[in-house]
Amino acid sequence: MERGTADGLPGGGVSATDPCVVAYEVTNQEAEPLTYTIRFSLLDDRGRAMSNIEETVASVGAGKTVRRTLEPGGYPADGMLDAGRVRILGVDRVPSDEAPAPAGSCPASGLRLTADQGDAAMGLRVVGLHLENCGSRAYALEGYPVVQLIDAEHRPVDGVEILRGTDGIPMAGGDGGPPRPVTLRPGESAVSGLAWRNTTEFGEAVNVPYVRVRAEAGSAPVMVAPHLDLGTTGELGVRAWQKDEAAPDGGTGESGSGRPGAQGPYGRPSSS
């Protein structure tokens, strides 16, 4: 079967060598190792979207090309898939030393920070931040995550005010008072969140693909990709850390992926 290429994957594409195996390539044209997350749409034989899948290719070295095949779990029910039935919806890339740790692993810091899929309603956007103590010692923190907005070329985004708390974001609700000390025993988690309004009035709308997050000042940075469609509001609210009392595992935080809405390391808010 001839090689097929899908637009949207810098330096790469998708191809099929038999009807049930679809391969793709990722080429890192930057000067540092990057971790890529690619979102694919799988089509039926009439070109209709059937399902979307997401795959992460970790630590692609500078100037290197990595070849992968789509995981079988994402294939159509008939098991038939070729390059003509795959579309690339989008690609996120973050520095490998700032990539969120995958489920089931634990960084050297003992803290695993991820973003969830997010929620959107009536122009309000909310993305949850989750901090799991996957280490062997208790961890204490108080206050707000430290966030920095990053554009598609990994440059800081200026002109957006970062608010402590979400009281100033219409319809976001209150924060339940000032920050309180939080102590996470091994296996426990804390939650924070980003909230904003997708309102567009006068001026140029601001879209921010990446956010560099530190659990607190001095912590190791983690870059997540929530794709903030900030409109023209110029504001982003950040909630204080709170103990995650709603974890279905009773706070054990076994893998950090058991919470409702957790969709892997790179969270994306849904459309309204």
C-alpha atoms as a PDB file:
ATOM      1  CA  MET A   1       0.000   0.000   0.000  1.00  0.00           C
ATOM      2  CA  GLU A   2       1.317   3.426  -0.866  1.00  0.00           C
ATOM      3  CA  ARG A   3       2.427   5.736   1.884  1.00  0.00           C
ATOM      4  CA  GLY A   4      -0.176   8.304   2.938  1.00  0.00           C
ATOM      5  CA  THR A   5       0.480  11.606   4.699  1.00  0.00           C
ATOM      6  CA  ALA A   6      -1.838  13.490   7.026  1.00  0.00           C
ATOM      7  CA  ASP A   7      -1.497  17.240   7.511  1.00  0.00           C
ATOM      8  CA  GLY A   8      -0.850  18.641  10.963  1.00  0.00           C
ATOM      9  CA  LEU A   9       2.118  16.614  12.248  1.00  0.00           C
ATOM     10  CA  PRO A  10       5.284  18.693  11.799  1.00  0.00           C
ATOM     11  CA  GLY A  11       7.939  16.618  10.104  1.00  0.00           C
ATOM     12  CA  GLY A  12       5.818  13.469  10.088  1.00  0.00           C
ATOM     13  CA  GLY A  13       2.705  11.727   8.855  1.00  0.00           C
ATOM     14  CA  VAL A  14       0.791   8.457   8.877  1.00  0.00           C
ATOM     15  CA  SER A  15       1.082   5.411   6.650  1.00  0.00           C
ATOM     16  CA  ALA A  16      -0.139   1.844   6.423  1.00  0.00           C
ATOM     17  CA  THR A  17       1.734  -1.273   5.328  1.00  0.00           C
ATOM     18  CA  ASP A  18      -1.275  -3.604   5.704  1.00  0.00           C
ATOM     19  CA  PRO A  19      -4.995  -2.959   6.337  1.00  0.00           C
ATOM     20  CA  CYS A  20      -4.686  -3.367  10.101  1.00  0.00           C
ATOM     21  CA  VAL A  21      -1.452  -1.518  10.895  1.00  0.00           C
ATOM     22  CA  VAL A  22      -1.140   2.260  10.676  1.00  0.00           C
ATOM     23  CA  ALA A  23       2.262   3.780  11.363  1.00  0.00           C
ATOM     24  CA  TYR A  24       3.181   7.390  11.981  1.00  0.00           C
ATOM     25  CA  GLU A  25       6.402   9.322  12.391  1.00  0.00           C
ATOM     26  CA  VAL A  26       7.361  12.212  14.644  1.00  0.00           C
ATOM     27  CA  THR A  27      10.378  14.345  13.762  1.00  0.00           C
ATOM     28  CA  ASN A  28      11.769  16.792  16.301  1.00  0.00           C
ATOM     29  CA  GLN A  29      13.189  19.778  14.440  1.00  0.00           C
ATOM     30  CA  GLU A  30      13.985  21.711  17.613  1.00  0.00           C
ATOM     31  CA  ALA A  31      17.228  21.894  19.597  1.00  0.00           C
ATOM     32  CA  GLU A  32      15.993  20.094  22.726  1.00  0.00           C
ATOM     33  CA  PRO A  33      14.213  16.792  23.433  1.00  0.00           C
ATOM     34  CA  LEU A  34      10.420  17.125  23.162  1.00  0.00           C
ATOM     35  CA  THR A  35       7.482  14.977  24.184  1.00  0.00           C
ATOM     36  CA  TYR A  36       4.622  14.919  21.678  1.00  0.00           C
ATOM     37  CA  THR A  37       0.935  14.192  22.149  1.00  0.00           C
ATOM     38  CA  ILE A  38      -0.956  13.552  18.901  1.00  0.00           C
ATOM     39  CA  ARG A  39      -4.760  13.471  18.605  1.00  0.00           C
ATOM     40  CA  PHE A  40      -6.075  11.246  15.814  1.00  0.00           C
ATOM     41  CA  SER A  41      -9.543  10.934  14.334  1.00  0.00           C
ATOM     42  CA  LEU A  42     -10.470   7.514  12.907  1.00  0.00           C
ATOM     43  CA  LEU A  43     -12.935   7.412  10.010  1.00  0.00           C
ATOM     44  CA  ASP A  44     -15.221   4.714   8.695  1.00  0.00           C
ATOM     45  CA  ASP A  45     -15.264   3.604   5.053  1.00  0.00           C
ATOM     46  CA  ARG A  46     -17.596   6.520   4.210  1.00  0.00           C
ATOM     47  CA  GLY A  47     -15.298   9.143   5.711  1.00  0.00           C
ATOM     48  CA  ARG A  48     -17.353   9.715   8.852  1.00  0.00           C
ATOM     49  CA  ALA A  49     -15.555  10.281  12.166  1.00  0.00           C
ATOM     50  CA  MET A  50     -15.977   7.241  14.390  1.00  0.00           C
ATOM     51  CA  SER A  51     -13.650   7.873  17.313  1.00  0.00           C
ATOM     52  CA  ASN A  52     -10.739   9.975  18.480  1.00  0.00           C
ATOM     53  CA  ILE A  53      -7.622   8.624  20.121  1.00  0.00           C
ATOM     54  CA  GLU A  54      -4.604  10.265  21.689  1.00  0.00           C
ATOM     55  CA  GLU A  55      -1.061   8.939  21.798  1.00  0.00           C
ATOM     56  CA  THR A  56       2.038  10.322  23.493  1.00  0.00           C
ATOM     57  CA  VAL A  57       5.550   9.903  22.116  1.00  0.00           C
ATOM     58  CA  ALA A  58       8.000  10.695  24.904  1.00  0.00           C
ATOM     59  CA  SER A  59      11.477  12.183  24.715  1.00  0.00           C
ATOM     60  CA  VAL A  60      12.103  12.556  20.991  1.00  0.00           C
ATOM     61  CA  GLY A  61      15.707  13.780  20.754  1.00  0.00           C
ATOM     62  CA  ALA A  62      16.715  16.931  18.903  1.00  0.00           C
ATOM     63  CA  GLY A  63      16.845  16.212  15.178  1.00  0.00           C
ATOM     64  CA  LYS A  64      15.546  12.667  15.673  1.00  0.00           C
ATOM     65  CA  THR A  65      12.640  10.836  14.016  1.00  0.00           C
ATOM     66  CA  VAL A  66      10.595   8.243  15.902  1.00  0.00           C
ATOM     67  CA  ARG A  67       8.231   5.775  14.217  1.00  0.00           C
ATOM     68  CA  ARG A  68       5.191   4.367  16.014  1.00  0.00           C
ATOM     69  CA  THR A  69       2.028   2.416  15.185  1.00  0.00           C
ATOM     70  CA  LEU A  70      -1.454   3.249  16.431  1.00  0.00           C
ATOM     71  CA  GLU A  71      -2.515   1.143  19.377  1.00  0.00           C
ATOM     72  CA  PRO A  72      -5.021  -1.583  18.319  1.00  0.00           C
ATOM     73  CA  GLY A  73      -7.531  -0.453  20.930  1.00  0.00           C
ATOM     74  CA  GLY A  74      -8.378   2.572  18.839  1.00  0.00           C
ATOM     75  CA  TYR A  75      -9.205   0.664  15.656  1.00  0.00           C
ATOM     76  CA  PRO A  76     -12.729   0.387  14.188  1.00  0.00           C
ATOM     77  CA  ALA A  77     -14.898  -2.610  15.050  1.00  0.00           C
ATOM     78  CA  ASP A  78     -14.191  -4.195  11.672  1.00  0.00           C
ATOM     79  CA  GLY A  79     -10.463  -4.090  12.412  1.00  0.00           C
ATOM     80  CA  MET A  80      -9.792  -2.425   9.056  1.00  0.00           C
ATOM     81  CA  LEU A  81      -7.817   0.791   9.020  1.00  0.00           C
ATOM     82  CA  ASP A  82      -5.471   2.448   6.568  1.00  0.00           C
ATOM     83  CA  ALA A  83      -3.822   5.837   6.200  1.00  0.00           C
ATOM     84  CA  GLY A  84      -6.808   7.165   4.268  1.00  0.00           C
ATOM     85  CA  ARG A  85      -9.033   6.628   7.302  1.00  0.00           C
ATOM     86  CA  VAL A  86      -6.894   8.561   9.787  1.00  0.00           C
ATOM     87  CA  ARG A  87      -6.800  12.315  10.343  1.00  0.00           C
ATOM     88  CA  ILE A  88      -4.508  14.220  12.683  1.00  0.00           C
ATOM     89  CA  LEU A  89      -6.568  16.682  14.709  1.00  0.00           C
ATOM     90  CA  GLY A  90      -3.723  18.340  16.571  1.00  0.00           C
ATOM     91  CA  VAL A  91      -0.261  18.006  18.028  1.00  0.00           C
ATOM     92  CA  ASP A  92       1.061  19.249  21.368  1.00  0.00           C
ATOM     93  CA  ARG A  93       4.777  19.306  22.136  1.00  0.00           C
ATOM     94  CA  VAL A  94       6.446  20.165  25.425  1.00  0.00           C
ATOM     95  CA  PRO A  95      10.051  20.022  26.655  1.00  0.00           C
ATOM     96  CA  SER A  96      10.649  16.465  27.798  1.00  0.00           C
ATOM     97  CA  ASP A  97      12.036  17.553  31.173  1.00  0.00           C
ATOM     98  CA  GLU A  98       8.750  19.430  31.805  1.00  0.00           C
ATOM     99  CA  ALA A  99       6.337  16.801  30.468  1.00  0.00           C
ATOM    100  CA  PRO A 100       3.723  15.505  32.941  1.00  0.00           C
ATOM    101  CA  ALA A 101       4.639  12.097  34.317  1.00  0.00           C
ATOM    102  CA  PRO A 102       2.463   9.357  32.780  1.00  0.00           C
ATOM    103  CA  ALA A 103       0.014   7.391  34.886  1.00  0.00           C
ATOM    104  CA  GLY A 104       1.688   4.748  36.996  1.00  0.00           C
ATOM    105  CA  SER A 105       5.018   6.582  37.183  1.00  0.00           C
ATOM    106  CA  CYS A 106       6.413   8.973  39.769  1.00  0.00           C
ATOM    107  CA  PRO A 107       8.900  11.829  39.216  1.00  0.00           C
ATOM    108  CA  ALA A 108      11.997  12.122  41.364  1.00  0.00           C
ATOM    109  CA  SER A 109      10.269  14.919  43.286  1.00  0.00           C
ATOM    110  CA  GLY A 110       7.598  12.477  44.485  1.00  0.00           C
ATOM    111  CA  LEU A 111       4.891  14.775  43.135  1.00  0.00           C
ATOM    112  CA  ARG A 112       2.900  14.044  39.976  1.00  0.00           C
ATOM    113  CA  LEU A 113       1.151  17.122  38.526  1.00  0.00           C
ATOM    114  CA  THR A 114      -1.407  16.775  35.725  1.00  0.00           C
ATOM    115  CA  ALA A 115      -4.320  18.667  34.169  1.00  0.00           C
ATOM    116  CA  ASP A 116      -7.716  17.089  33.520  1.00  0.00           C
ATOM    117  CA  GLN A 117      -9.995  17.296  30.488  1.00  0.00           C
ATOM    118  CA  GLY A 118     -11.760  20.381  31.775  1.00  0.00           C
ATOM    119  CA  ASP A 119     -15.319  21.595  31.492  1.00  0.00           C
ATOM    120  CA  ALA A 120     -17.095  24.333  29.574  1.00  0.00           C
ATOM    121  CA  ALA A 121     -20.561  25.816  29.938  1.00  0.00           C
ATOM    122  CA  MET A 122     -22.111  29.148  28.904  1.00  0.00           C
ATOM    123  CA  GLY A 123     -18.715  30.629  28.072  1.00  0.00           C
ATOM    124  CA  LEU A 124     -17.144  29.587  31.385  1.00  0.00           C
ATOM    125  CA  ARG A 125     -14.090  27.350  31.137  1.00  0.00           C
ATOM    126  CA  VAL A 126     -12.588  25.383  34.025  1.00  0.00           C
ATOM    127  CA  VAL A 127      -9.565  23.070  33.913  1.00  0.00           C
ATOM    128  CA  GLY A 128      -8.582  21.099  36.999  1.00  0.00           C
ATOM    129  CA  LEU A 129      -5.000  20.740  38.205  1.00  0.00           C
ATOM    130  CA  HIS A 130      -4.185  17.609  40.201  1.00  0.00           C
ATOM    131  CA  LEU A 131      -1.170  17.094  42.447  1.00  0.00           C
ATOM    132  CA  GLU A 132      -0.543  13.542  43.645  1.00  0.00           C
ATOM    133  CA  ASN A 133       1.968  12.661  46.321  1.00  0.00           C
ATOM    134  CA  CYS A 134       3.361   9.500  44.739  1.00  0.00           C
ATOM    135  CA  GLY A 135       6.467   9.547  46.907  1.00  0.00           C
ATOM    136  CA  SER A 136       7.230   8.085  50.308  1.00  0.00           C
ATOM    137  CA  ARG A 137       7.118  11.222  52.476  1.00  0.00           C
ATOM    138  CA  ALA A 138       4.373  13.625  53.507  1.00  0.00           C
ATOM    139  CA  TYR A 139       4.292  16.888  51.552  1.00  0.00           C
ATOM    140  CA  ALA A 140       2.937  20.193  52.895  1.00  0.00           C
ATOM    141  CA  LEU A 141       1.889  23.182  50.821  1.00  0.00           C
ATOM    142  CA  GLU A 142      -0.316  26.236  51.148  1.00  0.00           C
ATOM    143  CA  GLY A 143      -1.564  28.734  48.608  1.00  0.00           C
ATOM    144  CA  TYR A 144      -1.780  28.750  44.854  1.00  0.00           C
ATOM    145  CA  PRO A 145       0.006  27.006  42.008  1.00  0.00           C
ATOM    146  CA  VAL A 146       2.462  29.253  40.188  1.00  0.00           C
ATOM    147  CA  VAL A 147       1.418  29.462  36.532  1.00  0.00           C
ATOM    148  CA  GLN A 148       2.958  30.980  33.426  1.00  0.00           C
ATOM    149  CA  LEU A 149       1.157  31.188  30.092  1.00  0.00           C
ATOM    150  CA  ILE A 150       3.130  29.872  27.098  1.00  0.00           C
ATOM    151  CA  ASP A 151       2.447  30.282  23.369  1.00  0.00           C
ATOM    152  CA  ALA A 152       2.807  27.746  20.552  1.00  0.00           C
ATOM    153  CA  GLU A 153       6.507  28.569  20.154  1.00  0.00           C
ATOM    154  CA  HIS A 154       7.096  28.097  23.896  1.00  0.00           C
ATOM    155  CA  ARG A 155       7.426  31.829  24.563  1.00  0.00           C
ATOM    156  CA  PRO A 156       5.797  33.567  27.570  1.00  0.00           C
ATOM    157  CA  VAL A 157       2.445  35.224  26.869  1.00  0.00           C
ATOM    158  CA  ASP A 158       2.073  38.765  28.187  1.00  0.00           C
ATOM    159  CA  GLY A 159      -1.019  40.893  28.699  1.00  0.00           C
ATOM    160  CA  VAL A 160      -3.102  38.390  30.722  1.00  0.00           C
ATOM    161  CA  GLU A 161      -3.662  39.055  34.428  1.00  0.00           C
ATOM    162  CA  ILE A 162      -3.299  35.981  36.649  1.00  0.00           C
ATOM    163  CA  LEU A 163      -5.804  36.269  39.494  1.00  0.00           C
ATOM    164  CA  ARG A 164      -5.405  34.536  42.837  1.00  0.00           C
ATOM    165  CA  GLY A 165      -8.768  32.921  43.251  1.00  0.00           C
ATOM    166  CA  THR A 166     -11.741  32.841  40.897  1.00  0.00           C
ATOM    167  CA  ASP A 167     -14.068  35.300  42.639  1.00  0.00           C
ATOM    168  CA  GLY A 168     -13.304  37.784  39.862  1.00  0.00           C
ATOM    169  CA  ILE A 169     -14.336  35.371  37.100  1.00  0.00           C
ATOM    170  CA  PRO A 170     -18.103  35.703  36.406  1.00  0.00           C
ATOM    171  CA  MET A 171     -20.069  32.501  37.127  1.00  0.00           C
ATOM    172  CA  ALA A 172     -16.950  30.698  38.384  1.00  0.00           C
ATOM    173  CA  GLY A 173     -18.197  30.628  41.974  1.00  0.00           C
ATOM    174  CA  GLY A 174     -16.321  31.410  45.149  1.00  0.00           C
ATOM    175  CA  ASP A 175     -13.201  29.702  46.428  1.00  0.00           C
ATOM    176  CA  GLY A 176     -14.484  28.886  49.885  1.00  0.00           C
ATOM    177  CA  GLY A 177     -12.294  31.366  51.734  1.00  0.00           C
ATOM    178  CA  PRO A 178      -8.542  31.996  51.872  1.00  0.00           C
ATOM    179  CA  PRO A 179      -5.945  29.279  51.228  1.00  0.00           C
ATOM    180  CA  ARG A 180      -5.440  26.728  53.981  1.00  0.00           C
ATOM    181  CA  PRO A 181      -2.453  24.509  54.746  1.00  0.00           C
ATOM    182  CA  VAL A 182      -2.623  21.150  52.974  1.00  0.00           C
ATOM    183  CA  THR A 183      -0.601  18.091  53.984  1.00  0.00           C
ATOM    184  CA  LEU A 184      -0.527  15.197  51.547  1.00  0.00           C
ATOM    185  CA  ARG A 185       0.436  11.826  52.898  1.00  0.00           C
ATOM    186  CA  PRO A 186       1.849   9.328  50.377  1.00  0.00           C
ATOM    187  CA  GLY A 187      -0.936   8.424  47.948  1.00  0.00           C
ATOM    188  CA  GLU A 188      -3.054  11.511  48.678  1.00  0.00           C
ATOM    189  CA  SER A 189      -3.852  14.267  46.186  1.00  0.00           C
ATOM    190  CA  ALA A 190      -4.657  17.970  46.077  1.00  0.00           C
ATOM    191  CA  VAL A 191      -6.720  19.843  43.498  1.00  0.00           C
ATOM    192  CA  SER A 192      -6.568  23.348  42.098  1.00  0.00           C
ATOM    193  CA  GLY A 193      -7.926  24.765  38.879  1.00  0.00           C
ATOM    194  CA  LEU A 194      -7.869  27.414  36.182  1.00  0.00           C
ATOM    195  CA  ALA A 195     -11.049  29.334  35.363  1.00  0.00           C
ATOM    196  CA  TRP A 196     -11.762  31.905  32.669  1.00  0.00           C
ATOM    197  CA  ARG A 197     -14.508  33.342  30.512  1.00  0.00           C
ATOM    198  CA  ASN A 198     -14.445  32.830  26.762  1.00  0.00           C
ATOM    199  CA  THR A 199     -15.805  36.294  26.005  1.00  0.00           C
ATOM    200  CA  THR A 200     -14.837  38.166  22.852  1.00  0.00           C
ATOM    201  CA  GLU A 201     -15.609  41.857  22.601  1.00  0.00           C
ATOM    202  CA  PHE A 202     -13.170  44.574  21.542  1.00  0.00           C
ATOM    203  CA  GLY A 203      -9.573  43.742  20.756  1.00  0.00           C
ATOM    204  CA  GLU A 204      -7.781  40.592  19.656  1.00  0.00           C
ATOM    205  CA  ALA A 205      -8.777  37.262  21.169  1.00  0.00           C
ATOM    206  CA  VAL A 206      -6.010  35.474  23.061  1.00  0.00           C
ATOM    207  CA  ASN A 207      -5.467  31.725  22.743  1.00  0.00           C
ATOM    208  CA  VAL A 208      -2.848  30.070  24.932  1.00  0.00           C
ATOM    209  CA  PRO A 209      -1.988  26.430  24.150  1.00  0.00           C
ATOM    210  CA  TYR A 210       0.339  25.740  27.094  1.00  0.00           C
ATOM    211  CA  VAL A 211       0.635  26.553  30.788  1.00  0.00           C
ATOM    212  CA  ARG A 212       3.814  26.031  32.796  1.00  0.00           C
ATOM    213  CA  VAL A 213       2.757  25.048  36.318  1.00  0.00           C
ATOM    214  CA  ARG A 214       4.704  24.822  39.570  1.00  0.00           C
ATOM    215  CA  ALA A 215       3.022  23.339  42.629  1.00  0.00           C
ATOM    216  CA  GLU A 216       4.537  26.256  44.559  1.00  0.00           C
ATOM    217  CA  ALA A 217       7.398  28.701  44.117  1.00  0.00           C
ATOM    218  CA  GLY A 218      10.630  26.804  43.624  1.00  0.00           C
ATOM    219  CA  SER A 219       8.975  23.531  42.576  1.00  0.00           C
ATOM    220  CA  ALA A 220       9.945  21.792  39.358  1.00  0.00           C
ATOM    221  CA  PRO A 221       7.889  23.081  36.399  1.00  0.00           C
ATOM    222  CA  VAL A 222       5.396  20.940  34.508  1.00  0.00           C
ATOM    223  CA  MET A 223       4.007  22.101  31.149  1.00  0.00           C
ATOM    224  CA  VAL A 224       0.408  21.108  30.436  1.00  0.00           C
ATOM    225  CA  ALA A 225      -1.623  21.831  27.304  1.00  0.00           C
ATOM    226  CA  PRO A 226      -5.164  22.933  28.243  1.00  0.00           C
ATOM    227  CA  HIS A 227      -5.526  25.267  25.205  1.00  0.00           C
ATOM    228  CA  LEU A 228      -6.968  28.325  26.947  1.00  0.00           C
ATOM    229  CA  ASP A 229      -9.359  30.262  24.703  1.00  0.00           C
ATOM    230  CA  LEU A 230      -9.258  33.424  26.814  1.00  0.00           C
ATOM    231  CA  GLY A 231     -11.119  35.642  24.372  1.00  0.00           C
ATOM    232  CA  THR A 232     -10.543  39.337  25.100  1.00  0.00           C
ATOM    233  CA  THR A 233     -11.090  39.163  28.865  1.00  0.00           C
ATOM    234  CA  GLY A 234      -7.383  39.346  29.723  1.00  0.00           C
ATOM    235  CA  GLU A 235      -7.900  37.402  32.965  1.00  0.00           C
ATOM    236  CA  LEU A 236      -7.272  33.911  34.270  1.00  0.00           C
ATOM    237  CA  GLY A 237      -8.292  32.812  37.767  1.00  0.00           C
ATOM    238  CA  VAL A 238      -6.266  30.251  39.724  1.00  0.00           C
ATOM    239  CA  ARG A 239      -7.806  28.362  42.641  1.00  0.00           C
ATOM    240  CA  ALA A 240      -5.849  27.565  45.795  1.00  0.00           C
ATOM    241  CA  TRP A 241      -4.763  24.007  46.488  1.00  0.00           C
ATOM    242  CA  GLN A 242      -7.256  21.912  48.467  1.00  0.00           C
ATOM    243  CA  LYS A 243      -7.162  18.302  49.619  1.00  0.00           C
ATOM    244  CA  ASP A 244      -8.862  16.072  47.052  1.00  0.00           C
ATOM    245  CA  GLU A 245     -11.530  14.515  49.252  1.00  0.00           C
ATOM    246  CA  ALA A 246     -13.518  13.237  46.262  1.00  0.00           C
ATOM    247  CA  ALA A 247     -10.925  10.739  45.020  1.00  0.00           C
ATOM    248  CA  PRO A 248     -12.848   7.477  44.398  1.00  0.00           C
ATOM    249  CA  ASP A 249      -9.983   5.448  45.844  1.00  0.00           C
ATOM    250  CA  GLY A 250     -10.474   7.107  49.205  1.00  0.00           C
ATOM    251  CA  GLY A 251      -7.453   9.353  48.804  1.00  0.00           C
ATOM    252  CA  THR A 252      -4.938   6.670  47.960  1.00  0.00           C
ATOM    253  CA  GLY A 253      -4.323   8.240  44.541  1.00  0.00           C
ATOM    254  CA  GLU A 254      -2.940   4.946  43.262  1.00  0.00           C
ATOM    255  CA  SER A 255      -2.155   6.129  39.775  1.00  0.00           C
ATOM    256  CA  GLY A 256      -3.522   9.636  39.719  1.00  0.00           C
ATOM    257  CA  SER A 257      -5.770   8.673  36.810  1.00  0.00           C
ATOM    258  CA  GLY A 258      -8.830   7.382  38.645  1.00  0.00           C
ATOM    259  CA  ARG A 259     -10.612  10.697  39.127  1.00  0.00           C
ATOM    260  CA  PRO A 260     -13.676  11.418  37.016  1.00  0.00           C
ATOM    261  CA  GLY A 261     -12.654  13.453  33.985  1.00  0.00           C
ATOM    262  CA  ALA A 262      -8.965  12.598  34.145  1.00  0.00           C
ATOM    263  CA  GLN A 263      -7.958  11.987  30.538  1.00  0.00           C
ATOM    264  CA  GLY A 264      -4.202  11.529  30.634  1.00  0.00           C
ATOM    265  CA  PRO A 265      -1.389  14.037  30.961  1.00  0.00           C
ATOM    266  CA  TYR A 266      -2.588  16.651  28.512  1.00  0.00           C
ATOM    267  CA  GLY A 267      -6.039  17.976  29.443  1.00  0.00           C
ATOM    268  CA  ARG A 268      -8.224  19.843  26.945  1.00  0.00           C
ATOM    269  CA  PRO A 269     -11.418  21.746  27.771  1.00  0.00           C
ATOM    270  CA  SER A 270     -14.447  20.566  25.829  1.00  0.00           C
ATOM    271  CA  SER A 271     -16.356  22.872  23.512  1.00  0.00           C
ATOM    272  CA  SER A 272     -19.382  24.758  24.689  1.00  0.00           C
END
